[in-house]
Amino acid sequence: MDARAILSKVIACLSVLGSLTIAREVLMDKKKRAMVYHRQMLALSLADVTFSIVVFVGGWGASNPGLCKSKAFFSVMSGTPTAMYNTGVSVYFFLLICRQLTEQQMRKIQYILLFFPFLWGFGTAMASLFLDLYARGSNGCWINKNPKGCEGDECISGANADLYGFWFVYIPRWVSFCVSFLCMTLVYFKVARGEEETPEQELPSRPKTALDAVDEEKEEEKEDGNENDDRGEAAKGVVQNDTDMLWFLKESQGQDTSASERARRMASQAFWYLITYFNTYFWVTLQQVLKTVGDGSIPYWVRVMVSLTLPSQGIFNCIVYLRPRYLRNRDKYPEMTRLAAVFHQDEEDFVLGARQMRSMHNVNNNDNTRRDRRHSWVRYPTQWINASKRGS
């Protein structure tokens, strides 16, 4: 086993772990199980677990025709649906931000987003099986025309296997990517123009307390001060330019929890999923193009990039999925350790783009302490925070 195969298996194991983390996050939370976005991430994670296991198995048993066809079957069944589920997430963000659909309206189309990818993957996998397209080739057990080490017309496992590979797998993948790119382009211009207004019923609400009144007074004082500053700068001829073409790559700063700021955070989340999507499938598509249009030889560096990126989607999806919670916790609890910020779930964990103001932690310590006691050490390891306080 060469270093490239070992590296691919290690990354596949990490991808399985990341996907199972997302699945656990959704299945263990009643509110998440009821929301379309989290259901999509659960379906995406389960498809990615199957695909990562196929990558981990690799060339084991490839010499056995039955095992080789089984591996190829599950690879086709899970590979394309994984891409389509990514597109479903992009469509969700587009409908939420640009079309301003509510959660109830999203549920009317969720079955298309959830079941069509599975039906496509299972249908094309079964069709490839009946057409006898699975064989061992230079890219392992997959849709291949010539079994490895075999020559002559009698060794051809299926006519036009490469063409079927494009129609069943690669074309749907890149049509899905184009749809995702189009959705994110529309989201980008929508948010960049500052015209979005997220539906009020989608935002978390709770009874107003006396502490909220104190915070509102502070915010009003801050706004008054900002208005005075703006007038002074305008008098000096200073022009403020808030345009930033790469705003979606930058972390949100401050305590702004307005609807427009939450829309920006949701859009930023969607862009990170798109980047993960592109990173996963670009190199394997390039490998297939070189194999089809060239003499069949694939540069070694392309194979290395495929080994690095193809099984890695579960890792990056997990990072992107947990990113809003991490940023929110680091904003609310500055003294919290980075590892604790990943695991701590609060009452807003299921809401996209939500982030409580940092001041709430400072003025409501008693409330937080009572809530902390209801969480296990995995969900909110308070002993790590206390240890960091003693250490400082």
Protein backbone atom coordinates (compact mmCIF):
# COMPACT_ATOMS: atom_id res chain seq x y z
CA MET A 1 0.00 0.00 0.00
CA ASP A 2 1.51 3.32 -1.08
CA ALA A 3 1.48 6.57 0.87
CA ARG A 4 -1.32 8.00 -1.26
CA ALA A 5 -3.66 5.13 -0.38
CA ILE A 6 -2.83 5.41 3.32
CA LEU A 7 -3.46 9.15 3.27
CA SER A 8 -6.81 8.63 1.54
CA LYS A 9 -7.91 6.11 4.17
CA VAL A 10 -6.94 8.40 7.05
CA ILE A 11 -8.88 11.30 5.55
CA ALA A 12 -11.86 9.01 4.89
CA CYS A 13 -11.91 8.00 8.57
CA LEU A 14 -11.89 11.65 9.63
CA SER A 15 -14.67 12.36 7.12
CA VAL A 16 -16.82 9.58 8.59
CA LEU A 17 -16.23 11.01 12.07
CA GLY A 18 -17.22 14.51 10.89
CA SER A 19 -20.37 13.27 9.16
CA LEU A 20 -21.41 11.19 12.18
CA THR A 21 -20.92 14.29 14.35
CA ILE A 22 -23.42 16.20 12.21
CA ALA A 23 -25.84 13.25 12.30
CA ARG A 24 -25.62 13.11 16.09
CA GLU A 25 -26.16 16.87 16.39
CA VAL A 26 -29.40 16.60 14.38
CA LEU A 27 -30.78 13.36 15.82
CA MET A 28 -30.19 14.39 19.45
CA ASP A 29 -32.00 17.74 19.12
CA LYS A 30 -35.78 17.76 18.71
CA LYS A 31 -35.85 21.27 17.23
CA LYS A 32 -33.18 20.44 14.66
CA ARG A 33 -34.98 17.28 13.60
CA ALA A 34 -38.02 19.39 12.72
CA MET A 35 -36.15 21.91 10.52
CA VAL A 36 -35.54 21.48 6.79
CA TYR A 37 -31.93 22.73 6.87
CA HIS A 38 -30.86 20.28 9.57
CA ARG A 39 -32.70 17.42 7.83
CA GLN A 40 -30.76 18.23 4.67
CA MET A 41 -27.49 18.15 6.59
CA LEU A 42 -28.48 14.80 8.11
CA ALA A 43 -29.18 13.33 4.64
CA LEU A 44 -25.94 14.80 3.29
CA SER A 45 -23.97 13.34 6.19
CA LEU A 46 -25.44 9.85 5.79
CA ALA A 47 -24.62 9.86 2.07
CA ASP A 48 -21.11 11.08 2.83
CA VAL A 49 -20.60 8.33 5.44
CA THR A 50 -21.40 5.72 2.78
CA PHE A 51 -19.10 7.33 0.22
CA SER A 52 -16.24 7.76 2.72
CA ILE A 53 -16.47 4.10 3.71
CA VAL A 54 -16.19 3.17 0.02
CA VAL A 55 -13.08 5.34 -0.27
CA PHE A 56 -11.64 3.77 2.88
CA VAL A 57 -12.13 0.25 1.50
CA GLY A 58 -10.22 1.38 -1.60
CA GLY A 59 -8.61 -1.45 -3.51
CA TRP A 60 -9.28 -4.13 -0.90
CA GLY A 61 -11.01 -7.05 -2.58
CA ALA A 62 -10.70 -5.48 -6.02
CA SER A 63 -9.50 -8.77 -7.47
CA ASN A 64 -12.81 -10.38 -6.49
CA PRO A 65 -15.42 -9.47 -9.15
CA GLY A 66 -18.30 -9.60 -6.69
CA LEU A 67 -16.65 -7.36 -4.09
CA CYS A 68 -15.45 -5.01 -6.81
CA LYS A 69 -18.96 -4.57 -8.19
CA SER A 70 -20.36 -4.05 -4.68
CA LYS A 71 -17.86 -1.27 -4.00
CA ALA A 72 -18.60 0.37 -7.36
CA PHE A 73 -22.35 0.11 -6.72
CA PHE A 74 -22.19 1.96 -3.38
CA SER A 75 -19.75 4.49 -4.84
CA VAL A 76 -22.19 5.45 -7.61
CA MET A 77 -25.19 5.29 -5.25
CA SER A 78 -23.68 7.74 -2.74
CA GLY A 79 -21.31 9.92 -4.81
CA THR A 80 -23.81 11.87 -6.92
CA PRO A 81 -26.44 12.25 -4.15
CA THR A 82 -23.76 13.82 -1.95
CA ALA A 83 -23.30 16.53 -4.59
CA MET A 84 -27.04 16.97 -5.01
CA TYR A 85 -27.58 17.35 -1.27
CA ASN A 86 -24.98 20.12 -1.31
CA THR A 87 -27.01 21.82 -4.01
CA GLY A 88 -30.14 21.38 -1.92
CA VAL A 89 -28.48 23.30 0.90
CA SER A 90 -27.61 26.14 -1.51
CA VAL A 91 -31.20 26.20 -2.79
CA TYR A 92 -32.40 26.36 0.82
CA PHE A 93 -30.27 29.42 1.58
CA PHE A 94 -31.36 31.05 -1.68
CA LEU A 95 -35.05 30.58 -0.88
CA LEU A 96 -34.56 31.75 2.70
CA ILE A 97 -32.56 34.91 1.91
CA CYS A 98 -33.68 35.95 -1.57
CA ARG A 99 -37.23 34.62 -1.75
CA GLN A 100 -37.88 35.02 2.00
CA LEU A 101 -39.68 31.70 2.36
CA THR A 102 -40.72 30.67 5.85
CA GLU A 103 -39.93 27.33 7.46
CA GLN A 104 -43.51 26.21 6.83
CA GLN A 105 -43.16 26.99 3.13
CA MET A 106 -39.82 25.18 3.00
CA ARG A 107 -41.45 22.03 4.32
CA LYS A 108 -43.67 21.87 1.23
CA ILE A 109 -40.62 21.30 -1.01
CA GLN A 110 -38.38 19.44 1.43
CA TYR A 111 -39.26 16.02 0.02
CA ILE A 112 -37.88 17.02 -3.38
CA LEU A 113 -34.65 18.19 -1.77
CA LEU A 114 -34.38 15.08 0.41
CA PHE A 115 -35.56 12.19 -1.78
CA PHE A 116 -34.64 13.12 -5.37
CA PRO A 117 -30.86 12.77 -4.77
CA PHE A 118 -31.33 9.34 -3.20
CA LEU A 119 -33.59 8.16 -6.02
CA TRP A 120 -31.10 9.38 -8.64
CA GLY A 121 -28.17 7.68 -6.95
CA PHE A 122 -29.99 4.39 -6.39
CA GLY A 123 -31.48 4.40 -9.90
CA THR A 124 -28.17 5.03 -11.70
CA ALA A 125 -26.39 2.49 -9.50
CA MET A 126 -28.98 -0.17 -10.39
CA ALA A 127 -28.86 0.77 -14.10
CA SER A 128 -25.07 0.46 -14.12
CA LEU A 129 -25.37 -2.93 -12.48
CA PHE A 130 -27.84 -4.24 -15.07
CA LEU A 131 -25.76 -2.78 -17.92
CA ASP A 132 -22.67 -4.56 -16.52
CA LEU A 133 -20.67 -1.31 -16.33
CA TYR A 134 -18.78 -2.06 -13.12
CA ALA A 135 -15.20 -3.24 -13.48
CA ARG A 136 -11.74 -2.71 -12.09
CA GLY A 137 -9.86 0.05 -13.89
CA SER A 138 -7.09 2.57 -13.39
CA ASN A 139 -9.42 4.52 -11.06
CA GLY A 140 -10.34 1.46 -9.02
CA CYS A 141 -13.66 -0.37 -9.00
CA TRP A 142 -16.13 1.91 -10.74
CA ILE A 143 -17.84 2.41 -14.13
CA ASN A 144 -15.05 1.19 -16.40
CA LYS A 145 -14.92 -0.23 -19.90
CA ASN A 146 -11.82 -2.36 -19.65
CA PRO A 147 -11.06 -4.48 -16.59
CA LYS A 148 -7.51 -3.89 -15.38
CA GLY A 149 -5.02 -6.32 -16.89
CA CYS A 150 -7.43 -7.55 -19.53
CA GLU A 151 -7.16 -7.02 -23.29
CA GLY A 152 -9.39 -7.80 -26.24
CA ASP A 153 -13.04 -7.35 -27.11
CA GLU A 154 -14.09 -10.23 -24.88
CA CYS A 155 -12.87 -8.30 -21.84
CA ILE A 156 -15.13 -5.29 -22.36
CA SER A 157 -17.55 -5.19 -19.44
CA GLY A 158 -19.94 -2.65 -20.93
CA ALA A 159 -20.22 -0.61 -24.08
CA ASN A 160 -19.83 3.16 -23.74
CA ALA A 161 -18.92 2.86 -20.05
CA ASP A 162 -17.11 6.21 -20.01
CA LEU A 163 -20.13 7.91 -21.57
CA TYR A 164 -22.42 6.39 -18.95
CA GLY A 165 -20.02 7.56 -16.27
CA PHE A 166 -20.39 11.12 -17.47
CA TRP A 167 -24.18 10.99 -17.78
CA PHE A 168 -24.79 9.14 -14.53
CA VAL A 169 -22.23 10.85 -12.30
CA TYR A 170 -20.12 13.73 -13.59
CA ILE A 171 -22.68 15.73 -15.55
CA PRO A 172 -25.23 15.62 -12.67
CA ARG A 173 -22.48 16.64 -10.26
CA TRP A 174 -21.51 19.69 -12.26
CA VAL A 175 -25.06 20.64 -13.15
CA SER A 176 -25.62 20.57 -9.40
CA PHE A 177 -22.57 22.74 -8.85
CA CYS A 178 -23.76 25.25 -11.49
CA VAL A 179 -27.13 25.46 -9.75
CA SER A 180 -25.36 26.01 -6.42
CA PHE A 181 -23.12 28.67 -7.96
CA LEU A 182 -26.11 30.45 -9.47
CA CYS A 183 -27.97 30.42 -6.15
CA MET A 184 -24.96 31.77 -4.29
CA THR A 185 -24.40 34.47 -6.91
CA LEU A 186 -27.95 35.69 -6.43
CA VAL A 187 -27.53 35.53 -2.66
CA TYR A 188 -24.28 37.48 -2.91
CA PHE A 189 -25.82 40.38 -4.83
CA LYS A 190 -28.94 40.33 -2.68
CA VAL A 191 -26.97 40.63 0.56
CA ALA A 192 -24.34 42.98 -0.88
CA ARG A 193 -27.06 45.45 -1.85
CA GLY A 194 -28.43 45.29 1.67
CA GLU A 195 -31.99 44.74 0.46
CA GLU A 196 -32.70 41.52 2.38
CA GLU A 197 -35.16 41.24 5.22
CA THR A 198 -35.42 37.85 6.88
CA PRO A 199 -38.94 36.83 7.93
CA GLU A 200 -39.70 37.84 11.47
CA GLN A 201 -41.24 34.48 12.32
CA GLU A 202 -37.92 32.81 11.61
CA LEU A 203 -36.10 34.77 14.29
CA PRO A 204 -35.93 33.53 17.91
CA SER A 205 -38.12 35.30 20.43
CA ARG A 206 -38.39 35.28 24.20
CA PRO A 207 -40.14 37.34 26.88
CA LYS A 208 -38.56 40.75 27.46
CA THR A 209 -36.95 41.20 30.89
CA ALA A 210 -35.60 44.11 32.88
CA LEU A 211 -32.12 43.18 31.69
CA ASP A 212 -33.26 43.68 28.12
CA ALA A 213 -34.45 47.19 29.00
CA VAL A 214 -30.98 47.99 30.35
CA ASP A 215 -29.39 46.68 27.15
CA GLU A 216 -31.80 48.67 25.01
CA GLU A 217 -30.90 51.88 26.85
CA LYS A 218 -27.21 51.16 26.30
CA GLU A 219 -27.82 50.48 22.62
CA GLU A 220 -29.77 53.74 22.24
CA GLU A 221 -26.92 55.66 23.88
CA LYS A 222 -24.45 53.96 21.57
CA GLU A 223 -26.56 54.77 18.50
CA ASP A 224 -26.82 58.41 19.56
CA GLY A 225 -23.04 58.54 19.92
CA ASN A 226 -22.56 56.90 16.52
CA GLU A 227 -24.91 59.41 14.90
CA ASN A 228 -22.91 62.27 16.37
CA ASP A 229 -19.69 60.71 15.12
CA ASP A 230 -21.19 60.28 11.64
CA ARG A 231 -22.22 63.93 11.54
CA GLY A 232 -18.71 64.98 12.53
CA GLU A 233 -17.14 62.81 9.83
CA ALA A 234 -19.61 64.08 7.24
CA ALA A 235 -18.68 67.65 8.15
CA LYS A 236 -15.05 66.79 7.54
CA GLY A 237 -15.91 65.32 4.17
CA VAL A 238 -15.14 61.76 5.21
CA VAL A 239 -17.06 59.27 3.09
CA GLN A 240 -17.73 55.86 4.62
CA ASN A 241 -17.55 52.98 2.17
CA ASP A 242 -18.88 49.70 3.53
CA THR A 243 -18.48 47.83 0.26
CA ASP A 244 -16.32 44.73 0.58
CA MET A 245 -16.39 42.16 -2.20
CA LEU A 246 -15.09 39.42 0.11
CA TRP A 247 -17.41 40.13 3.04
CA PHE A 248 -18.58 36.51 3.15
CA LEU A 249 -15.04 35.32 4.04
CA LYS A 250 -14.71 37.62 7.03
CA GLU A 251 -15.89 36.97 10.56
CA SER A 252 -18.75 39.14 11.77
CA GLN A 253 -17.66 41.58 14.45
CA GLY A 254 -19.53 43.31 17.27
CA GLN A 255 -22.93 42.74 18.82
CA ASP A 256 -25.18 43.44 15.84
CA THR A 257 -28.09 40.96 15.80
CA SER A 258 -30.24 42.76 13.23
CA ALA A 259 -32.08 40.87 10.50
CA SER A 260 -29.70 42.14 7.82
CA GLU A 261 -26.64 41.04 9.79
CA ARG A 262 -28.12 37.59 10.36
CA ALA A 263 -28.79 37.34 6.63
CA ARG A 264 -25.11 38.09 6.02
CA ARG A 265 -24.12 35.35 8.44
CA MET A 266 -26.42 32.88 6.74
CA ALA A 267 -25.02 33.84 3.33
CA SER A 268 -21.48 33.43 4.63
CA GLN A 269 -22.41 29.96 5.89
CA ALA A 270 -23.78 29.04 2.46
CA PHE A 271 -20.62 30.23 0.70
CA TRP A 272 -18.43 28.04 2.89
CA TYR A 273 -20.54 25.01 1.95
CA LEU A 274 -20.08 25.91 -1.74
CA ILE A 275 -16.30 26.17 -1.33
CA THR A 276 -16.26 22.74 0.33
CA TYR A 277 -18.38 21.37 -2.51
CA PHE A 278 -16.05 22.69 -5.22
CA ASN A 279 -12.94 21.50 -3.36
CA THR A 280 -14.34 17.96 -3.15
CA TYR A 281 -15.28 17.36 -6.77
CA PHE A 282 -12.97 19.50 -8.91
CA TRP A 283 -9.94 17.20 -8.93
CA VAL A 284 -11.83 13.93 -9.42
CA THR A 285 -13.65 15.48 -12.38
CA LEU A 286 -10.34 16.65 -13.85
CA GLN A 287 -9.02 13.11 -13.44
CA GLN A 288 -11.97 11.65 -15.36
CA VAL A 289 -11.63 14.24 -18.14
CA LEU A 290 -7.92 13.46 -18.57
CA LYS A 291 -8.71 9.74 -18.59
CA THR A 292 -11.41 10.11 -21.26
CA VAL A 293 -10.01 12.67 -23.69
CA GLY A 294 -6.33 11.78 -23.36
CA ASP A 295 -4.35 8.59 -23.68
CA GLY A 296 -5.68 7.29 -20.34
CA SER A 297 -2.64 8.30 -18.29
CA ILE A 298 -3.26 10.52 -15.26
CA PRO A 299 -0.46 12.63 -13.72
CA TYR A 300 0.58 11.52 -10.26
CA TRP A 301 -0.04 14.94 -8.73
CA VAL A 302 -3.66 14.82 -9.92
CA ARG A 303 -4.06 11.45 -8.21
CA VAL A 304 -2.61 12.92 -5.01
CA MET A 305 -5.08 15.80 -5.09
CA VAL A 306 -7.95 13.35 -5.61
CA SER A 307 -6.78 11.33 -2.61
CA LEU A 308 -6.65 14.49 -0.50
CA THR A 309 -9.95 16.08 -1.50
CA LEU A 310 -12.44 13.39 -2.56
CA PRO A 311 -12.92 11.79 0.89
CA SER A 312 -12.61 15.05 2.83
CA GLN A 313 -16.10 16.52 2.50
CA GLY A 314 -17.36 15.19 5.84
CA ILE A 315 -14.52 16.96 7.66
CA PHE A 316 -15.18 20.38 6.15
CA ASN A 317 -18.96 20.03 6.29
CA CYS A 318 -18.67 19.37 10.01
CA ILE A 319 -16.45 22.43 10.49
CA VAL A 320 -18.86 24.63 8.53
CA TYR A 321 -21.90 23.17 10.31
CA LEU A 322 -20.47 23.87 13.78
CA ARG A 323 -19.02 27.25 12.77
CA PRO A 324 -22.05 29.42 13.76
CA ARG A 325 -22.13 27.87 17.23
CA TYR A 326 -18.40 28.35 17.71
CA LEU A 327 -18.52 32.01 16.66
CA ARG A 328 -21.60 32.68 18.79
CA ASN A 329 -20.06 31.10 21.89
CA ARG A 330 -16.76 32.91 21.44
CA ASP A 331 -18.71 36.15 21.14
CA LYS A 332 -20.96 35.51 24.16
CA TYR A 333 -18.34 33.92 26.41
CA PRO A 334 -14.89 35.43 25.71
CA GLU A 335 -13.28 33.37 28.49
CA MET A 336 -14.58 30.05 27.08
CA THR A 337 -11.94 27.73 25.64
CA ARG A 338 -12.06 27.05 21.91
CA LEU A 339 -12.88 23.38 22.43
CA ALA A 340 -15.71 24.22 24.82
CA ALA A 341 -17.09 26.73 22.30
CA VAL A 342 -17.49 23.88 19.79
CA PHE A 343 -19.57 21.68 22.12
CA HIS A 344 -21.71 24.12 24.08
CA GLN A 345 -25.31 24.22 22.85
CA ASP A 346 -27.57 27.05 23.96
CA GLU A 347 -31.23 27.85 23.36
CA GLU A 348 -30.43 29.36 19.93
CA ASP A 349 -28.30 26.56 18.59
CA PHE A 350 -30.91 25.45 16.05
CA VAL A 351 -31.36 28.96 14.56
CA LEU A 352 -29.29 30.00 11.56
CA GLY A 353 -27.46 33.30 11.79
CA ALA A 354 -28.49 34.00 15.39
CA ARG A 355 -26.07 35.37 17.95
CA GLN A 356 -26.92 36.83 21.34
CA MET A 357 -25.15 39.99 22.43
CA ARG A 358 -22.05 39.47 24.53
CA SER A 359 -23.37 41.69 27.32
CA MET A 360 -26.05 39.12 28.16
CA HIS A 361 -23.40 36.82 29.60
CA ASN A 362 -22.00 39.51 31.88
CA VAL A 363 -25.30 40.76 33.35
CA ASN A 364 -27.05 37.39 33.64
CA ASN A 365 -24.48 35.14 35.27
CA ASN A 366 -27.01 33.54 37.59
CA ASP A 367 -29.23 32.56 34.67
CA ASN A 368 -26.28 31.07 32.78
CA THR A 369 -25.13 29.13 35.84
CA ARG A 370 -28.53 27.49 36.26
CA ARG A 371 -28.58 26.61 32.57
CA ASP A 372 -25.03 25.22 32.71
CA ARG A 373 -26.02 22.72 35.39
CA ARG A 374 -28.62 21.22 33.08
CA HIS A 375 -25.96 20.37 30.46
CA SER A 376 -23.56 17.47 30.54
CA TRP A 377 -19.81 18.01 30.34
CA VAL A 378 -19.92 17.16 26.62
CA ARG A 379 -22.48 19.86 25.80
CA TYR A 380 -20.96 22.55 27.98
CA PRO A 381 -17.72 21.64 29.80
CA THR A 382 -17.85 24.37 32.45
CA GLN A 383 -14.89 22.89 34.26
CA TRP A 384 -12.68 23.86 31.29
CA ILE A 385 -13.85 27.46 31.56
CA ASN A 386 -13.24 27.53 35.32
CA ALA A 387 -9.81 26.01 34.81
CA SER A 388 -8.95 28.68 32.24
CA LYS A 389 -10.04 31.37 34.71
CA ARG A 390 -7.79 29.96 37.45
CA GLY A 391 -4.94 29.66 34.98
CA SER A 392 -5.25 33.32 33.95
